[in-house]
């Protein structure tokens, strides 16, 4: 199980932050800390080779739980190409892979900030 660093782009789409992890079998994407409240879409695509990609959220960057699809209670865990928004807006987000062989999957988070969170 490898830890995969995210690639972050603020130049791909105006106003968006695009966070991308290139995952293979049993990889864990490094945590991305959301810089603000906003809207996000999680997109997975590539060669799955029977792998499952799960989008996870955390309130502390240590304890992780699957996020659920907006309008549903289903976990955001996919074995094929998918593009969904989560119900949750946790401070930390990551994508992980499990199972499969010969996988080459891109997990991409598109985040549109609405306003900056102020520190208390």
N, C-alpha and C. Protein backbone atom coordinates (compact mmCIF):
# COMPACT_ATOMS: atom_id res chain seq x y z
N UNK A 1 0.85 -1.18 0.00
CA UNK A 1 0.00 0.00 0.00
C UNK A 1 0.89 1.23 0.00
N UNK A 2 0.80 1.99 -1.07
CA UNK A 2 1.62 3.20 -1.20
C UNK A 2 0.80 4.43 -0.87
N UNK A 3 1.48 5.43 -0.35
CA UNK A 3 0.87 6.73 -0.12
C UNK A 3 1.15 7.58 -1.35
N UNK A 4 0.10 8.09 -1.98
CA UNK A 4 0.22 8.82 -3.24
C UNK A 4 -0.07 10.29 -3.00
N UNK A 5 0.90 11.14 -3.34
CA UNK A 5 0.71 12.57 -3.19
C UNK A 5 -0.25 13.10 -4.25
N UNK A 6 -0.98 14.11 -3.87
CA UNK A 6 -1.92 14.75 -4.78
C UNK A 6 -1.22 15.79 -5.63
N UNK A 7 -1.73 15.97 -6.83
CA UNK A 7 -1.33 17.08 -7.69
C UNK A 7 -2.44 18.10 -7.61
N UNK A 8 -2.09 19.35 -7.34
CA UNK A 8 -3.09 20.40 -7.15
C UNK A 8 -2.93 21.45 -8.24
N UNK A 9 -4.03 21.76 -8.91
CA UNK A 9 -4.02 22.78 -9.97
C UNK A 9 -5.07 23.83 -9.68
N UNK A 10 -4.68 25.07 -9.78
CA UNK A 10 -5.63 26.17 -9.66
C UNK A 10 -5.80 26.89 -11.00
N UNK A 11 -5.20 26.32 -12.06
CA UNK A 11 -5.21 26.96 -13.37
C UNK A 11 -6.03 26.20 -14.42
N UNK A 12 -6.56 25.02 -14.08
CA UNK A 12 -7.27 24.20 -15.06
C UNK A 12 -8.61 24.80 -15.45
N UNK A 13 -9.39 25.22 -14.48
CA UNK A 13 -10.70 25.82 -14.73
C UNK A 13 -10.82 27.07 -13.85
N UNK A 14 -11.31 28.17 -14.39
CA UNK A 14 -11.41 29.41 -13.62
C UNK A 14 -12.19 29.22 -12.32
N UNK A 15 -11.58 29.59 -11.21
CA UNK A 15 -12.22 29.53 -9.90
C UNK A 15 -12.19 28.17 -9.22
N UNK A 16 -11.69 27.15 -9.91
CA UNK A 16 -11.71 25.79 -9.36
C UNK A 16 -10.33 25.39 -8.84
N UNK A 17 -10.36 24.52 -7.85
CA UNK A 17 -9.15 23.83 -7.39
C UNK A 17 -9.34 22.37 -7.79
N UNK A 18 -8.43 21.84 -8.61
CA UNK A 18 -8.50 20.46 -9.06
C UNK A 18 -7.40 19.67 -8.34
N UNK A 19 -7.81 18.66 -7.58
CA UNK A 19 -6.87 17.82 -6.84
C UNK A 19 -6.94 16.43 -7.45
N UNK A 20 -5.77 15.89 -7.84
CA UNK A 20 -5.74 14.62 -8.56
C UNK A 20 -4.76 13.65 -7.91
N UNK A 21 -5.20 12.40 -7.75
CA UNK A 21 -4.35 11.31 -7.27
C UNK A 21 -4.28 10.26 -8.37
N UNK A 22 -3.10 9.77 -8.71
CA UNK A 22 -2.90 8.68 -9.66
C UNK A 22 -2.71 7.40 -8.84
N UNK A 23 -3.74 6.57 -8.77
CA UNK A 23 -3.74 5.41 -7.88
C UNK A 23 -3.56 4.11 -8.64
N UNK A 24 -2.90 3.15 -8.01
CA UNK A 24 -2.83 1.78 -8.50
C UNK A 24 -3.44 0.89 -7.42
N UNK A 25 -3.13 -0.39 -7.42
CA UNK A 25 -3.71 -1.32 -6.44
C UNK A 25 -3.32 -0.96 -5.02
N UNK A 26 -4.30 -0.86 -4.15
CA UNK A 26 -4.10 -0.66 -2.70
C UNK A 26 -3.30 0.59 -2.36
N UNK A 27 -3.57 1.71 -3.05
CA UNK A 27 -2.92 2.98 -2.74
C UNK A 27 -3.83 3.85 -1.90
N UNK A 28 -3.22 4.75 -1.14
CA UNK A 28 -3.94 5.72 -0.34
C UNK A 28 -3.50 7.11 -0.76
N UNK A 29 -4.44 7.92 -1.18
CA UNK A 29 -4.13 9.30 -1.53
C UNK A 29 -3.86 10.11 -0.27
N UNK A 30 -2.89 11.02 -0.35
CA UNK A 30 -2.62 11.89 0.80
C UNK A 30 -3.82 12.81 1.01
N UNK A 31 -4.00 13.24 2.22
CA UNK A 31 -5.14 14.08 2.56
C UNK A 31 -5.02 15.45 1.90
N UNK A 32 -6.14 15.94 1.41
CA UNK A 32 -6.23 17.32 0.93
C UNK A 32 -7.12 18.07 1.89
N UNK A 33 -6.61 19.16 2.45
CA UNK A 33 -7.39 19.97 3.37
C UNK A 33 -8.16 21.02 2.58
N UNK A 34 -9.48 20.97 2.68
CA UNK A 34 -10.30 21.93 1.95
C UNK A 34 -10.05 23.33 2.51
N UNK A 35 -9.72 24.29 1.63
CA UNK A 35 -9.36 25.62 2.09
C UNK A 35 -10.55 26.50 2.43
N UNK A 36 -11.75 26.08 2.06
CA UNK A 36 -12.93 26.91 2.23
C UNK A 36 -14.17 26.04 2.14
N UNK A 37 -15.31 26.61 2.46
CA UNK A 37 -16.56 25.92 2.19
C UNK A 37 -16.83 26.07 0.70
N UNK A 38 -17.47 25.10 0.11
CA UNK A 38 -17.72 25.19 -1.33
C UNK A 38 -18.44 23.98 -1.87
N UNK A 39 -18.39 23.86 -3.16
CA UNK A 39 -19.00 22.74 -3.86
C UNK A 39 -17.90 21.84 -4.38
N UNK A 40 -18.11 20.52 -4.29
CA UNK A 40 -17.11 19.61 -4.83
C UNK A 40 -17.76 18.45 -5.56
N UNK A 41 -17.03 17.97 -6.56
CA UNK A 41 -17.40 16.80 -7.33
C UNK A 41 -16.21 15.86 -7.34
N UNK A 42 -16.47 14.58 -7.13
CA UNK A 42 -15.43 13.56 -7.11
C UNK A 42 -15.56 12.70 -8.36
N UNK A 43 -14.49 12.62 -9.14
CA UNK A 43 -14.51 11.92 -10.42
C UNK A 43 -13.45 10.82 -10.40
N UNK A 44 -13.81 9.62 -10.78
CA UNK A 44 -12.85 8.51 -10.88
C UNK A 44 -12.93 7.94 -12.28
N UNK A 45 -11.76 7.65 -12.87
CA UNK A 45 -11.73 7.07 -14.21
C UNK A 45 -10.39 6.38 -14.43
N UNK A 46 -10.36 5.49 -15.42
CA UNK A 46 -9.13 4.78 -15.75
C UNK A 46 -9.37 3.29 -15.88
N UNK A 47 -8.30 2.51 -15.64
CA UNK A 47 -8.36 1.05 -15.71
C UNK A 47 -8.52 0.53 -14.29
N UNK A 48 -9.70 0.02 -13.96
CA UNK A 48 -10.00 -0.39 -12.59
C UNK A 48 -9.46 -1.77 -12.25
N UNK A 49 -9.40 -2.70 -13.20
CA UNK A 49 -8.88 -4.04 -12.92
C UNK A 49 -9.48 -4.67 -11.68
N UNK A 50 -10.78 -4.48 -11.46
CA UNK A 50 -11.53 -4.99 -10.31
C UNK A 50 -11.24 -4.25 -9.02
N UNK A 51 -10.53 -3.14 -9.06
CA UNK A 51 -10.27 -2.35 -7.85
C UNK A 51 -11.50 -1.52 -7.50
N UNK A 52 -11.59 -1.11 -6.25
CA UNK A 52 -12.63 -0.22 -5.76
C UNK A 52 -11.97 1.07 -5.28
N UNK A 53 -12.48 2.19 -5.74
CA UNK A 53 -12.00 3.50 -5.28
C UNK A 53 -13.04 4.04 -4.33
N UNK A 54 -12.60 4.42 -3.14
CA UNK A 54 -13.50 4.97 -2.13
C UNK A 54 -13.04 6.39 -1.78
N UNK A 55 -13.99 7.30 -1.78
CA UNK A 55 -13.73 8.67 -1.34
C UNK A 55 -14.01 8.75 0.15
N UNK A 56 -13.05 9.30 0.89
CA UNK A 56 -13.17 9.37 2.34
C UNK A 56 -13.03 10.81 2.83
N UNK A 57 -13.66 11.07 3.96
CA UNK A 57 -13.56 12.37 4.61
C UNK A 57 -13.14 12.19 6.05
N UNK A 58 -12.57 13.25 6.63
CA UNK A 58 -12.11 13.21 8.01
C UNK A 58 -12.24 14.60 8.63
N UNK A 59 -12.53 14.63 9.92
CA UNK A 59 -12.57 15.92 10.62
C UNK A 59 -11.24 16.25 11.27
N UNK A 60 -10.31 15.26 11.33
CA UNK A 60 -9.02 15.50 11.98
C UNK A 60 -7.81 15.07 11.16
N UNK A 61 -8.03 14.50 9.96
CA UNK A 61 -6.93 14.05 9.12
C UNK A 61 -6.32 12.73 9.56
N UNK A 62 -6.93 12.09 10.57
CA UNK A 62 -6.43 10.81 11.09
C UNK A 62 -7.48 9.71 11.00
N UNK A 63 -8.69 10.02 11.40
CA UNK A 63 -9.78 9.05 11.41
C UNK A 63 -10.65 9.27 10.17
N UNK A 64 -10.69 8.26 9.30
CA UNK A 64 -11.33 8.39 7.99
C UNK A 64 -12.59 7.55 7.88
N UNK A 65 -13.57 8.07 7.14
CA UNK A 65 -14.83 7.37 6.91
C UNK A 65 -15.27 7.62 5.47
N UNK A 66 -15.94 6.64 4.84
CA UNK A 66 -16.43 6.86 3.48
C UNK A 66 -17.43 8.01 3.44
N UNK A 67 -17.32 8.83 2.41
CA UNK A 67 -18.34 9.86 2.20
C UNK A 67 -19.50 9.22 1.46
N UNK A 68 -20.67 9.85 1.52
CA UNK A 68 -21.86 9.32 0.85
C UNK A 68 -22.25 10.22 -0.31
N UNK A 69 -22.88 9.61 -1.32
CA UNK A 69 -23.32 10.34 -2.50
C UNK A 69 -24.44 11.30 -2.14
N UNK A 70 -24.39 12.49 -2.72
CA UNK A 70 -25.43 13.49 -2.49
C UNK A 70 -26.79 12.91 -2.88
N UNK A 71 -27.76 13.10 -1.99
CA UNK A 71 -29.11 12.60 -2.24
C UNK A 71 -29.28 11.12 -1.98
N UNK A 72 -28.30 10.49 -1.32
CA UNK A 72 -28.33 9.05 -1.10
C UNK A 72 -27.62 8.73 0.22
N UNK A 73 -27.72 7.49 0.61
CA UNK A 73 -26.94 7.02 1.76
C UNK A 73 -25.83 6.08 1.30
N UNK A 74 -25.71 5.89 -0.02
CA UNK A 74 -24.69 4.98 -0.56
C UNK A 74 -23.30 5.59 -0.42
N UNK A 75 -22.35 4.76 0.02
CA UNK A 75 -20.96 5.21 0.11
C UNK A 75 -20.43 5.54 -1.28
N UNK A 76 -19.51 6.47 -1.34
CA UNK A 76 -18.85 6.83 -2.60
C UNK A 76 -17.71 5.85 -2.83
N UNK A 77 -18.07 4.62 -3.23
CA UNK A 77 -17.12 3.55 -3.51
C UNK A 77 -17.46 3.00 -4.89
N UNK A 78 -16.49 3.08 -5.83
CA UNK A 78 -16.78 2.80 -7.23
C UNK A 78 -15.83 1.78 -7.83
N UNK A 79 -16.37 0.94 -8.73
CA UNK A 79 -15.57 -0.04 -9.46
C UNK A 79 -15.52 0.29 -10.94
N UNK A 80 -16.16 1.38 -11.33
CA UNK A 80 -16.14 1.88 -12.70
C UNK A 80 -16.09 3.41 -12.66
N UNK A 81 -15.97 4.00 -13.84
CA UNK A 81 -15.95 5.45 -13.93
C UNK A 81 -17.18 6.04 -13.25
N UNK A 82 -16.96 7.09 -12.45
CA UNK A 82 -18.06 7.72 -11.72
C UNK A 82 -17.76 9.19 -11.53
N UNK A 83 -18.82 9.97 -11.36
CA UNK A 83 -18.71 11.41 -11.16
C UNK A 83 -19.86 11.82 -10.25
N UNK A 84 -19.57 12.03 -8.96
CA UNK A 84 -20.62 12.33 -7.98
C UNK A 84 -20.17 13.40 -7.01
N UNK A 85 -21.15 14.03 -6.39
CA UNK A 85 -20.89 14.99 -5.31
C UNK A 85 -21.23 14.33 -3.98
N UNK A 86 -20.47 14.65 -2.92
CA UNK A 86 -20.76 14.06 -1.62
C UNK A 86 -21.79 14.87 -0.83
N UNK A 87 -22.44 14.20 0.12
CA UNK A 87 -23.32 14.89 1.07
C UNK A 87 -22.51 15.74 2.05
N UNK A 88 -21.33 15.24 2.40
CA UNK A 88 -20.53 15.85 3.46
C UNK A 88 -19.59 16.94 2.93
N UNK A 89 -19.13 17.79 3.85
CA UNK A 89 -18.12 18.80 3.55
C UNK A 89 -17.07 18.75 4.68
N UNK A 90 -16.28 17.64 4.73
CA UNK A 90 -15.30 17.50 5.80
C UNK A 90 -14.09 18.40 5.55
N UNK A 91 -13.31 18.68 6.58
CA UNK A 91 -12.11 19.50 6.39
C UNK A 91 -11.03 18.80 5.57
N UNK A 92 -11.01 17.45 5.60
CA UNK A 92 -10.00 16.68 4.88
C UNK A 92 -10.67 15.66 3.97
N UNK A 93 -10.12 15.48 2.75
CA UNK A 93 -10.66 14.53 1.78
C UNK A 93 -9.49 13.75 1.18
N UNK A 94 -9.75 12.47 0.84
CA UNK A 94 -8.76 11.66 0.12
C UNK A 94 -9.50 10.56 -0.63
N UNK A 95 -8.77 9.93 -1.56
CA UNK A 95 -9.27 8.77 -2.29
C UNK A 95 -8.34 7.60 -2.00
N UNK A 96 -8.92 6.40 -1.83
CA UNK A 96 -8.10 5.20 -1.62
C UNK A 96 -8.55 4.12 -2.58
N UNK A 97 -7.63 3.20 -2.90
CA UNK A 97 -7.97 2.07 -3.75
C UNK A 97 -7.80 0.78 -2.96
N UNK A 98 -8.57 -0.22 -3.31
CA UNK A 98 -8.48 -1.53 -2.67
C UNK A 98 -8.74 -2.60 -3.70
N UNK A 99 -7.97 -3.68 -3.63
CA UNK A 99 -8.17 -4.82 -4.52
C UNK A 99 -7.74 -4.53 -5.94
N UNK A 100 -7.99 -5.47 -6.79
CA UNK A 100 -7.71 -5.32 -8.21
C UNK A 100 -6.26 -5.55 -8.58
N UNK A 101 -6.03 -5.75 -9.85
CA UNK A 101 -4.68 -5.89 -10.40
C UNK A 101 -4.62 -5.11 -11.70
N UNK A 102 -3.45 -4.63 -12.03
CA UNK A 102 -3.27 -3.87 -13.27
C UNK A 102 -4.06 -2.58 -13.29
N UNK A 103 -4.25 -1.98 -12.13
CA UNK A 103 -5.05 -0.77 -12.06
C UNK A 103 -4.22 0.47 -12.35
N UNK A 104 -4.84 1.44 -12.96
CA UNK A 104 -4.27 2.76 -13.20
C UNK A 104 -5.44 3.72 -13.19
N UNK A 105 -5.76 4.22 -12.01
CA UNK A 105 -6.98 5.00 -11.82
C UNK A 105 -6.64 6.43 -11.42
N UNK A 106 -7.36 7.36 -12.01
CA UNK A 106 -7.24 8.75 -11.62
C UNK A 106 -8.45 9.10 -10.77
N UNK A 107 -8.19 9.63 -9.59
CA UNK A 107 -9.23 10.13 -8.71
C UNK A 107 -9.05 11.65 -8.69
N UNK A 108 -10.07 12.36 -9.11
CA UNK A 108 -9.96 13.81 -9.26
C UNK A 108 -11.07 14.51 -8.50
N UNK A 109 -10.68 15.43 -7.64
CA UNK A 109 -11.61 16.23 -6.85
C UNK A 109 -11.66 17.62 -7.46
N UNK A 110 -12.83 18.05 -7.87
CA UNK A 110 -13.01 19.41 -8.39
C UNK A 110 -13.72 20.21 -7.31
N UNK A 111 -13.06 21.24 -6.82
CA UNK A 111 -13.57 22.01 -5.69
C UNK A 111 -13.73 23.47 -6.09
N UNK A 112 -14.93 24.00 -5.92
CA UNK A 112 -15.21 25.42 -6.18
C UNK A 112 -15.49 26.11 -4.84
N UNK A 113 -14.53 26.86 -4.31
CA UNK A 113 -14.74 27.54 -3.02
C UNK A 113 -15.85 28.58 -3.12
N UNK A 114 -16.64 28.68 -2.06
CA UNK A 114 -17.67 29.72 -1.95
C UNK A 114 -17.22 30.84 -1.04
N UNK A 115 -16.63 30.48 0.09
CA UNK A 115 -16.10 31.49 0.99
C UNK A 115 -15.02 30.85 1.84
N UNK A 116 -14.09 31.64 2.32
CA UNK A 116 -12.98 31.16 3.14
C UNK A 116 -13.46 30.93 4.56
N UNK A 117 -13.04 29.83 5.14
CA UNK A 117 -13.34 29.55 6.54
C UNK A 117 -12.45 30.42 7.42
N UNK A 118 -13.01 31.09 8.37
CA UNK A 118 -12.22 31.91 9.28
C UNK A 118 -11.78 31.10 10.47
N UNK A 119 -10.57 31.34 10.94
CA UNK A 119 -10.11 30.65 12.14
C UNK A 119 -10.76 31.27 13.37
N UNK A 120 -10.99 30.44 14.36
CA UNK A 120 -11.60 30.93 15.61
C UNK A 120 -10.52 31.10 16.65
